[in-house]
Amino acid sequence: MQSKNLFLDHAAITAHAGRGGAGASHFRREKFVPLGGPDGGDGGRGGHVILTADSGLKTLVDFSYRREYRAQDGAPGSGARKSGKGGSDCVIHVPAGTVVLTPGGELVADLREHGQQALVARGGRGGRGNTHFTTSQRQAPRLAEKGEPGETRALVLELKLLADAGIIGQPNAGKSTLLAALSAAHPKIAAYPFTTITPNLGRVRVGEGESFVFVDIPGLIAGAAHGAGLGLEFLRHIERTRLLVHLLDAGSPGADPRAAFESVNAELAHYDRRLAQRKQLVALNKSDLVAEPRVLERLVADFKRRGYEVFVLSAATRQGVWELARRTYAWVRTLPEPGVFTEAAARPAPPAPRFTVERLEAGRWRVTGREVEKWVAMTDFDNDEALTKLRDIFNRIGLTAEFKRAGLAEGDTVLVGEEEFLFQEDV
């Protein structure tokens, strides 16, 4: 049976944090304590959703089978001021090197190191019991809060392999052969285009205690930015690399190293202009197949005039490969690690309005705003004291005035989050 390739470097999930437990409305009742008073405890916090980097994982394939993740709700409070138990967190293991984004491309977390964690959906706080609402005028409040809903977030996971240097080039330039010659990696190698359909990692040892990680990216061809070929979708795996080794076929019949160089760099620039500006070494491969030495000499001189370090080698015979490896290591030691490329993350998000009131249709309105939605979700609409408290909040934040400006009429339906109620002039 043919094995299925399970490398997956992109996934979308939804994280649901737990809801906080409800606060208790309870009064102390003991035989010899006639004025026991309120003693309702608070609800427990809802569980968080946490991502943790795991160096033992190499792919996001597990997320193709499960896309919804939920933390546990908090337990309700009880009498005698007993708080409810907090909900258990949902801990999700992802490969080290995973970048977490919003669907709009904003950076949420960059999990590079084993054990690094990110809280991506916060559990709701527990509702307060009636002990919190005692005042000099209100000695026996029956008011208690419902638990706050936990956050629900849609997330995009992208795996960016942790490599020091990347090998780029067109199909059949010899990238996989070079990686195999320098490391213990065993990429599939054949004499036809697109042998490599997933990135390959290999550790290259250049001396005692001296090594770096190379990644071989599937070949880039002209038009990759518009869907041709295989390499473009894997370019995220060289975003973290300090250095690029541009491998060019200089020996095959009909090969045009100059045109190949320009074509691949054009695709890099289309993907991200900063990636195209990354430090590059030029490696002229398949030198053993070159019949005329002056052809190589002219190529070397041409790239040197353009400011590139040039290496002549044969990955198949291993001639010149270790000179390239040692120079790559020297550069890797001095070049800084680049940050994650996320255009949206570089732009600060505009501040969100405190709330908005939108007319859906005649007599139906929707209010949005995180603060308003939280207070409504935590209100017990069967409790008159809770409704009075909600009215006071609406007045304080200016929502009542906005209702009047928008033209809400007595009896109109107002939707806030998952709750629905009728508008009254005195509320």
Protein backbone atom coordinates (compact mmCIF):
# COMPACT_ATOMS: atom_id res chain seq x y z
CA MET A 1 0.00 0.00 0.00
CA GLN A 2 1.33 3.40 -0.91
CA SER A 3 1.88 5.62 2.13
CA LYS A 4 0.10 8.95 2.22
CA ASN A 5 2.11 12.10 2.78
CA LEU A 6 0.93 13.53 6.10
CA PHE A 7 2.94 16.74 6.07
CA LEU A 8 0.54 19.62 6.76
CA ASP A 9 1.70 23.16 7.46
CA HIS A 10 -1.55 25.16 7.48
CA ALA A 11 -4.73 24.68 9.51
CA ALA A 12 -7.76 26.61 10.75
CA ILE A 13 -9.33 25.95 14.14
CA THR A 14 -11.91 27.50 16.46
CA ALA A 15 -11.11 27.85 20.17
CA HIS A 16 -13.96 28.08 22.69
CA ALA A 17 -13.00 29.12 26.21
CA GLY A 18 -15.22 28.05 29.10
CA ARG A 19 -18.00 30.15 30.55
CA GLY A 20 -17.69 31.32 34.11
CA GLY A 21 -19.93 29.68 36.70
CA ALA A 22 -22.96 31.54 38.01
CA GLY A 23 -22.75 33.34 41.34
CA ALA A 24 -25.12 32.09 44.04
CA SER A 25 -28.01 34.01 45.58
CA HIS A 26 -28.16 32.41 49.02
CA PHE A 27 -28.86 33.41 52.61
CA ARG A 28 -27.30 32.00 55.74
CA ARG A 29 -29.88 30.13 57.76
CA GLU A 30 -28.86 28.76 61.13
CA LYS A 31 -30.97 28.06 64.21
CA PHE A 32 -29.31 30.62 66.48
CA VAL A 33 -28.29 33.16 63.81
CA PRO A 34 -31.50 35.06 62.99
CA LEU A 35 -29.71 37.75 60.92
CA GLY A 36 -27.34 35.53 58.95
CA GLY A 37 -27.52 37.64 55.82
CA PRO A 38 -26.48 36.82 52.25
CA ASP A 39 -23.70 34.27 51.81
CA GLY A 40 -23.84 33.32 48.13
CA GLY A 41 -20.43 32.38 46.73
CA ASP A 42 -18.88 33.31 43.40
CA GLY A 43 -18.85 31.11 40.33
CA GLY A 44 -15.60 29.53 39.14
CA ARG A 45 -13.60 30.88 36.22
CA GLY A 46 -14.12 29.25 32.85
CA GLY A 47 -11.18 27.35 31.42
CA HIS A 48 -8.76 29.05 29.01
CA VAL A 49 -7.64 27.68 25.65
CA ILE A 50 -3.84 27.54 25.57
CA LEU A 51 -1.48 26.63 22.74
CA THR A 52 1.87 25.11 23.70
CA ALA A 53 4.85 24.45 21.43
CA ASP A 54 5.99 20.83 21.27
CA SER A 55 9.28 20.03 19.54
CA GLY A 56 8.15 16.41 19.19
CA LEU A 57 5.51 17.40 16.63
CA LYS A 58 6.54 18.06 13.04
CA THR A 59 3.25 18.71 11.25
CA LEU A 60 -0.22 20.16 11.75
CA VAL A 61 -1.88 17.04 10.37
CA ASP A 62 -3.85 16.40 13.59
CA PHE A 63 -5.81 19.59 12.97
CA SER A 64 -7.24 18.17 9.75
CA TYR A 65 -9.22 15.71 11.90
CA ARG A 66 -10.34 18.06 14.66
CA ARG A 67 -11.05 21.77 14.29
CA GLU A 68 -13.13 22.67 17.37
CA TYR A 69 -11.53 22.92 20.81
CA ARG A 70 -13.43 23.68 24.03
CA ALA A 71 -12.33 24.40 27.56
CA GLN A 72 -14.48 23.47 30.55
CA ASP A 73 -17.06 25.81 32.06
CA GLY A 74 -16.64 27.02 35.64
CA ALA A 75 -18.85 25.55 38.36
CA PRO A 76 -21.53 27.69 40.07
CA GLY A 77 -21.01 29.15 43.52
CA SER A 78 -22.99 27.96 46.53
CA GLY A 79 -23.97 29.01 50.02
CA ALA A 80 -21.58 29.64 52.90
CA ARG A 81 -19.56 31.84 50.51
CA LYS A 82 -18.26 28.77 48.67
CA SER A 83 -16.80 29.57 45.27
CA GLY A 84 -17.34 27.25 42.37
CA LYS A 85 -14.48 25.23 40.94
CA GLY A 86 -12.68 26.74 37.97
CA GLY A 87 -13.03 25.01 34.62
CA SER A 88 -10.14 22.98 33.28
CA ASP A 89 -8.03 24.64 30.61
CA CYS A 90 -7.87 23.17 27.12
CA VAL A 91 -4.18 22.79 26.22
CA ILE A 92 -3.45 22.26 22.52
CA HIS A 93 -0.02 21.02 21.45
CA VAL A 94 1.38 22.45 18.20
CA PRO A 95 4.80 22.02 16.55
CA ALA A 96 7.53 24.41 17.59
CA GLY A 97 7.68 27.02 14.85
CA THR A 98 3.91 27.52 14.64
CA VAL A 99 2.64 31.03 14.03
CA VAL A 100 -0.90 31.77 15.21
CA LEU A 101 -2.87 34.35 13.22
CA THR A 102 -6.37 35.75 13.04
CA PRO A 103 -8.26 35.02 9.80
CA GLY A 104 -7.39 38.61 8.83
CA GLY A 105 -3.67 37.92 9.18
CA GLU A 106 -2.96 39.66 12.49
CA LEU A 107 -0.29 37.99 14.60
CA VAL A 108 -1.61 36.34 17.78
CA ALA A 109 1.45 34.34 18.85
CA ASP A 110 4.76 33.03 17.52
CA LEU A 111 5.59 29.74 19.25
CA ARG A 112 9.23 29.05 18.42
CA GLU A 113 10.61 27.24 21.47
CA HIS A 114 9.58 23.96 23.08
CA GLY A 115 7.25 24.63 26.01
CA GLN A 116 6.41 28.19 24.96
CA GLN A 117 2.72 28.91 25.55
CA ALA A 118 0.09 31.38 24.37
CA LEU A 119 -3.35 31.98 25.86
CA VAL A 120 -5.52 32.35 22.75
CA ALA A 121 -9.05 32.31 24.24
CA ARG A 122 -9.68 33.57 27.76
CA GLY A 123 -12.19 31.88 30.02
CA GLY A 124 -15.05 33.96 31.38
CA ARG A 125 -14.89 35.14 34.97
CA GLY A 126 -17.29 33.63 37.45
CA GLY A 127 -20.38 35.59 38.37
CA ARG A 128 -20.40 37.29 41.76
CA GLY A 129 -22.64 35.93 44.49
CA ASN A 130 -25.13 38.10 46.36
CA THR A 131 -22.63 38.78 49.15
CA HIS A 132 -21.04 41.39 46.85
CA PHE A 133 -24.20 43.47 46.49
CA THR A 134 -24.99 44.29 50.10
CA THR A 135 -25.23 48.01 50.85
CA SER A 136 -26.52 50.09 53.74
CA GLN A 137 -29.80 50.50 51.87
CA ARG A 138 -29.96 46.92 50.59
CA GLN A 139 -29.27 44.45 53.37
CA ALA A 140 -30.72 41.36 51.71
CA PRO A 141 -29.92 41.48 47.99
CA ARG A 142 -31.10 38.61 45.86
CA LEU A 143 -28.94 39.79 43.01
CA ALA A 144 -26.26 37.45 41.71
CA GLU A 145 -24.46 37.48 38.39
CA LYS A 146 -24.43 34.80 35.75
CA GLY A 147 -20.99 33.73 34.59
CA GLU A 148 -19.20 35.65 31.85
CA PRO A 149 -19.07 33.84 28.49
CA GLY A 150 -15.65 32.63 27.46
CA GLU A 151 -13.99 33.96 24.34
CA THR A 152 -14.50 32.20 21.02
CA ARG A 153 -11.77 32.82 18.46
CA ALA A 154 -11.19 31.62 14.94
CA LEU A 155 -7.46 31.00 14.48
CA VAL A 156 -5.16 30.16 11.60
CA LEU A 157 -2.09 28.02 12.35
CA GLU A 158 0.91 28.21 10.05
CA LEU A 159 3.97 26.04 10.57
CA LYS A 160 7.20 27.81 9.65
CA LEU A 161 10.05 25.34 9.91
CA LEU A 162 12.90 26.35 12.20
CA ALA A 163 15.91 26.39 9.88
CA ASP A 164 19.03 28.57 9.79
CA ALA A 165 19.48 28.59 6.02
CA GLY A 166 17.27 27.76 3.06
CA ILE A 167 18.10 26.22 -0.31
CA ILE A 168 16.10 27.79 -3.12
CA GLY A 169 16.11 27.27 -6.86
CA GLN A 170 14.17 25.89 -9.77
CA PRO A 171 13.14 22.21 -10.04
CA ASN A 172 16.04 19.85 -10.75
CA ALA A 173 18.67 22.39 -9.68
CA GLY A 174 19.91 19.71 -7.29
CA LYS A 175 18.61 21.05 -3.97
CA SER A 176 17.66 17.67 -2.52
CA THR A 177 20.94 16.15 -3.71
CA LEU A 178 22.87 18.94 -1.98
CA LEU A 179 20.91 18.46 1.26
CA ALA A 180 21.53 14.71 1.15
CA ALA A 181 25.25 15.25 0.52
CA LEU A 182 25.64 17.55 3.51
CA SER A 183 23.34 15.97 6.11
CA ALA A 184 21.69 12.81 7.28
CA ALA A 185 18.44 13.81 5.58
CA HIS A 186 17.12 11.39 2.96
CA PRO A 187 14.94 13.40 0.58
CA LYS A 188 13.43 11.70 -2.44
CA ILE A 189 15.63 12.34 -5.49
CA ALA A 190 14.83 11.66 -9.14
CA ALA A 191 15.64 13.07 -12.57
CA TYR A 192 12.30 14.73 -13.18
CA PRO A 193 10.77 18.04 -12.07
CA PHE A 194 8.94 18.38 -8.75
CA THR A 195 10.49 15.36 -7.06
CA THR A 196 10.33 17.36 -3.81
CA ILE A 197 6.72 18.09 -2.85
CA THR A 198 7.32 18.92 0.82
CA PRO A 199 10.12 20.87 2.53
CA ASN A 200 13.03 18.75 3.80
CA LEU A 201 15.11 19.56 6.87
CA GLY A 202 18.66 18.45 7.50
CA ARG A 203 21.30 19.28 10.10
CA VAL A 204 24.72 20.04 8.62
CA ARG A 205 27.73 19.52 10.87
CA VAL A 206 30.80 21.52 9.87
CA GLY A 207 32.97 20.83 12.92
CA GLU A 208 32.99 19.72 16.54
CA GLY A 209 29.95 21.36 18.12
CA GLU A 210 29.37 23.43 14.98
CA SER A 211 26.22 22.82 12.95
CA PHE A 212 23.26 24.50 11.32
CA VAL A 213 19.88 23.45 9.93
CA PHE A 214 19.25 23.56 6.20
CA VAL A 215 15.77 23.47 4.63
CA ASP A 216 15.23 22.46 1.02
CA ILE A 217 12.18 24.21 -0.50
CA PRO A 218 10.30 22.61 -3.44
CA GLY A 219 11.27 24.20 -6.73
CA LEU A 220 10.02 27.61 -7.82
CA ILE A 221 9.11 28.20 -11.44
CA ALA A 222 7.97 31.28 -13.31
CA GLY A 223 4.32 31.95 -12.50
CA ALA A 224 4.43 30.29 -9.09
CA ALA A 225 2.96 33.44 -7.59
CA HIS A 226 -0.10 32.81 -9.75
CA GLY A 227 -0.50 29.14 -8.80
CA ALA A 228 1.99 27.38 -11.07
CA GLY A 229 4.31 24.75 -9.63
CA LEU A 230 4.65 23.70 -5.99
CA GLY A 231 7.18 25.92 -4.30
CA LEU A 232 5.25 29.07 -3.47
CA GLU A 233 2.98 27.50 -0.86
CA PHE A 234 6.07 26.37 1.08
CA LEU A 235 7.92 29.69 1.08
CA ARG A 236 6.74 30.35 4.65
CA HIS A 237 9.36 27.80 5.71
CA ILE A 238 12.26 30.06 4.72
CA GLU A 239 10.81 33.19 6.31
CA ARG A 240 12.76 32.45 9.50
CA THR A 241 16.05 31.64 7.75
CA ARG A 242 18.95 34.04 8.12
CA LEU A 243 20.48 33.14 4.76
CA LEU A 244 19.41 31.78 1.37
CA VAL A 245 21.57 29.57 -0.80
CA HIS A 246 20.44 30.04 -4.39
CA LEU A 247 21.29 26.82 -6.22
CA LEU A 248 21.55 27.10 -10.01
CA ASP A 249 21.87 24.37 -12.62
CA ALA A 250 24.98 25.30 -14.58
CA GLY A 251 25.64 22.01 -16.37
CA SER A 252 22.47 20.50 -17.83
CA PRO A 253 21.90 20.90 -21.59
CA GLY A 254 19.89 24.04 -22.25
CA ALA A 255 20.21 25.35 -18.69
CA ASP A 256 20.21 29.15 -18.32
CA PRO A 257 21.43 29.99 -14.78
CA ARG A 258 21.00 33.76 -15.23
CA ALA A 259 17.36 33.47 -16.29
CA ALA A 260 16.67 30.94 -13.52
CA PHE A 261 18.17 33.29 -10.95
CA GLU A 262 15.99 36.21 -12.07
CA SER A 263 12.87 34.05 -12.26
CA VAL A 264 13.17 32.66 -8.73
CA ASN A 265 13.97 36.06 -7.22
CA ALA A 266 10.94 37.53 -8.95
CA GLU A 267 8.76 34.92 -7.25
CA LEU A 268 10.38 35.69 -3.88
CA ALA A 269 9.66 39.39 -4.34
CA HIS A 270 6.06 38.68 -5.22
CA TYR A 271 5.65 36.61 -2.06
CA ASP A 272 7.32 39.21 0.18
CA ARG A 273 9.70 41.95 -0.91
CA ARG A 274 11.72 41.56 2.32
CA LEU A 275 12.36 37.89 1.57
CA ALA A 276 13.78 38.85 -1.82
CA GLN A 277 16.22 41.18 -0.02
CA ARG A 278 17.53 38.38 2.23
CA LYS A 279 21.26 37.66 2.07
CA GLN A 280 21.96 35.13 -0.71
CA LEU A 281 24.90 32.97 -1.69
CA VAL A 282 24.99 31.79 -5.29
CA ALA A 283 25.93 28.15 -5.87
CA LEU A 284 26.57 26.94 -9.44
CA ASN A 285 25.74 23.23 -9.35
CA LYS A 286 26.48 20.34 -11.74
CA SER A 287 29.90 21.72 -12.57
CA ASP A 288 30.98 18.16 -13.44
CA LEU A 289 28.69 18.31 -16.48
CA VAL A 290 30.16 21.55 -17.86
CA ALA A 291 32.24 20.82 -20.94
CA GLU A 292 33.66 24.29 -21.41
CA PRO A 293 35.33 25.82 -18.26
CA ARG A 294 35.10 29.35 -19.66
CA VAL A 295 31.31 29.14 -19.41
CA LEU A 296 31.62 28.73 -15.66
CA GLU A 297 34.24 31.43 -15.42
CA ARG A 298 31.95 33.94 -17.13
CA LEU A 299 29.04 32.99 -14.86
CA VAL A 300 31.17 33.39 -11.74
CA ALA A 301 32.47 36.76 -12.90
CA ASP A 302 28.96 37.94 -13.78
CA PHE A 303 27.48 37.13 -10.33
CA LYS A 304 30.51 38.54 -8.51
CA ARG A 305 30.11 41.84 -10.36
CA ARG A 306 26.56 41.93 -8.97
CA GLY A 307 27.91 41.59 -5.43
CA TYR A 308 27.26 37.89 -4.73
CA GLU A 309 29.58 35.31 -3.24
CA VAL A 310 29.74 32.49 -5.75
CA PHE A 311 30.52 28.79 -5.24
CA VAL A 312 31.15 26.23 -7.97
CA LEU A 313 30.21 22.71 -6.94
CA SER A 314 28.76 19.35 -7.86
CA ALA A 315 26.26 18.02 -5.35
CA ALA A 316 26.34 14.62 -7.08
CA THR A 317 30.13 14.18 -6.66
CA ARG A 318 30.27 16.37 -3.50
CA GLN A 319 32.98 18.52 -5.06
CA GLY A 320 32.92 21.97 -3.42
CA VAL A 321 29.91 21.26 -1.19
CA TRP A 322 31.78 21.57 2.12
CA GLU A 323 33.31 24.90 1.16
CA LEU A 324 29.73 26.13 0.66
CA ALA A 325 28.64 24.57 3.96
CA ARG A 326 31.41 26.20 5.98
CA ARG A 327 30.73 29.60 4.46
CA THR A 328 27.00 29.19 5.07
CA TYR A 329 27.70 28.41 8.71
CA ALA A 330 29.92 31.48 9.04
CA TRP A 331 27.13 33.70 7.77
CA VAL A 332 24.46 31.99 9.89
CA ARG A 333 26.48 32.78 13.02
CA THR A 334 26.58 36.50 12.26
CA LEU A 335 23.22 37.26 10.66
CA PRO A 336 20.26 38.04 12.97
CA GLU A 337 17.15 35.90 12.88
CA PRO A 338 14.40 37.78 11.04
CA GLY A 339 10.98 38.32 12.52
CA VAL A 340 7.81 36.72 11.28
CA PHE A 341 6.44 38.35 8.14
CA THR A 342 2.86 39.42 8.79
CA GLU A 343 1.73 42.57 7.04
CA ALA A 344 -1.46 42.90 9.09
CA ALA A 345 0.45 42.58 12.36
CA ALA A 346 2.55 45.61 11.45
CA ARG A 347 -0.54 47.78 11.13
CA PRO A 348 -2.14 48.77 14.44
CA ALA A 349 -5.82 47.92 14.52
CA PRO A 350 -8.11 50.95 14.78
CA PRO A 351 -9.76 51.29 18.19
CA ALA A 352 -13.13 49.58 18.29
CA PRO A 353 -16.17 51.67 19.29
CA ARG A 354 -17.52 50.97 22.76
CA PHE A 355 -20.80 49.85 21.23
CA THR A 356 -22.85 50.19 18.05
CA VAL A 357 -26.62 50.20 17.57
CA GLU A 358 -27.80 48.82 14.22
CA ARG A 359 -31.33 48.68 12.83
CA LEU A 360 -32.01 45.22 11.37
CA GLU A 361 -35.58 45.81 10.27
CA ALA A 362 -38.66 47.63 11.49
CA GLY A 363 -38.87 47.10 15.26
CA ARG A 364 -35.65 45.00 15.50
CA TRP A 365 -32.22 46.27 16.53
CA ARG A 366 -28.84 44.75 17.31
CA VAL A 367 -26.30 46.12 19.79
CA THR A 368 -22.68 45.02 19.45
CA GLY A 369 -19.75 45.77 21.70
CA ARG A 370 -17.71 43.48 23.91
CA GLU A 371 -18.48 45.31 27.15
CA VAL A 372 -22.23 45.51 26.54
CA GLU A 373 -22.43 41.89 25.41
CA LYS A 374 -20.60 40.80 28.57
CA TRP A 375 -22.94 42.64 30.93
CA VAL A 376 -26.06 41.40 29.16
CA ALA A 377 -24.81 37.79 29.14
CA MET A 378 -24.17 37.99 32.90
CA THR A 379 -27.63 39.37 33.70
CA ASP A 380 -30.43 37.19 35.07
CA PHE A 381 -33.46 38.60 33.26
CA ASP A 382 -35.81 36.89 35.71
CA ASN A 383 -34.38 38.97 38.57
CA ASP A 384 -35.73 42.52 39.01
CA GLU A 385 -32.62 43.64 40.89
CA ALA A 386 -30.42 42.38 38.06
CA LEU A 387 -32.48 44.32 35.51
CA THR A 388 -32.15 47.48 37.59
CA LYS A 389 -28.39 46.99 37.69
CA LEU A 390 -28.28 46.52 33.90
CA ARG A 391 -30.32 49.69 33.39
CA ASP A 392 -27.84 51.63 35.52
CA ILE A 393 -24.97 50.29 33.41
CA PHE A 394 -26.72 51.30 30.17
CA ASN A 395 -27.24 54.80 31.56
CA ARG A 396 -23.61 55.07 32.72
CA ILE A 397 -22.01 54.07 29.42
CA GLY A 398 -24.42 56.16 27.32
CA LEU A 399 -26.28 53.29 25.66
CA THR A 400 -29.72 54.48 26.84
CA ALA A 401 -29.09 57.88 25.26
CA GLU A 402 -27.95 56.19 22.05
CA PHE A 403 -31.19 54.16 21.96
CA LYS A 404 -33.16 57.41 22.00
CA ARG A 405 -30.97 59.04 19.35
CA ALA A 406 -31.33 55.99 17.08
CA GLY A 407 -35.13 56.14 17.36
CA LEU A 408 -35.99 52.97 19.27
CA ALA A 409 -39.70 52.82 20.15
CA GLU A 410 -41.42 51.24 23.13
CA GLY A 411 -41.67 47.48 22.57
CA ASP A 412 -38.92 47.22 19.92
CA THR A 413 -36.83 44.06 20.08
CA VAL A 414 -33.15 44.48 20.99
CA LEU A 415 -30.61 41.70 20.34
CA VAL A 416 -27.34 41.68 22.27
CA GLY A 417 -25.14 38.64 21.81
CA GLU A 418 -27.37 35.61 22.35
CA GLU A 419 -29.92 37.54 24.45
CA GLU A 420 -33.07 39.29 23.28
CA PHE A 421 -35.30 41.74 25.18
CA LEU A 422 -37.94 44.40 24.60
CA PHE A 423 -37.02 48.06 24.80
CA GLN A 424 -38.82 50.15 27.42
CA GLU A 425 -38.55 53.88 27.74
CA ASP A 426 -37.58 53.70 31.43
CA VAL A 427 -34.82 51.13 30.87
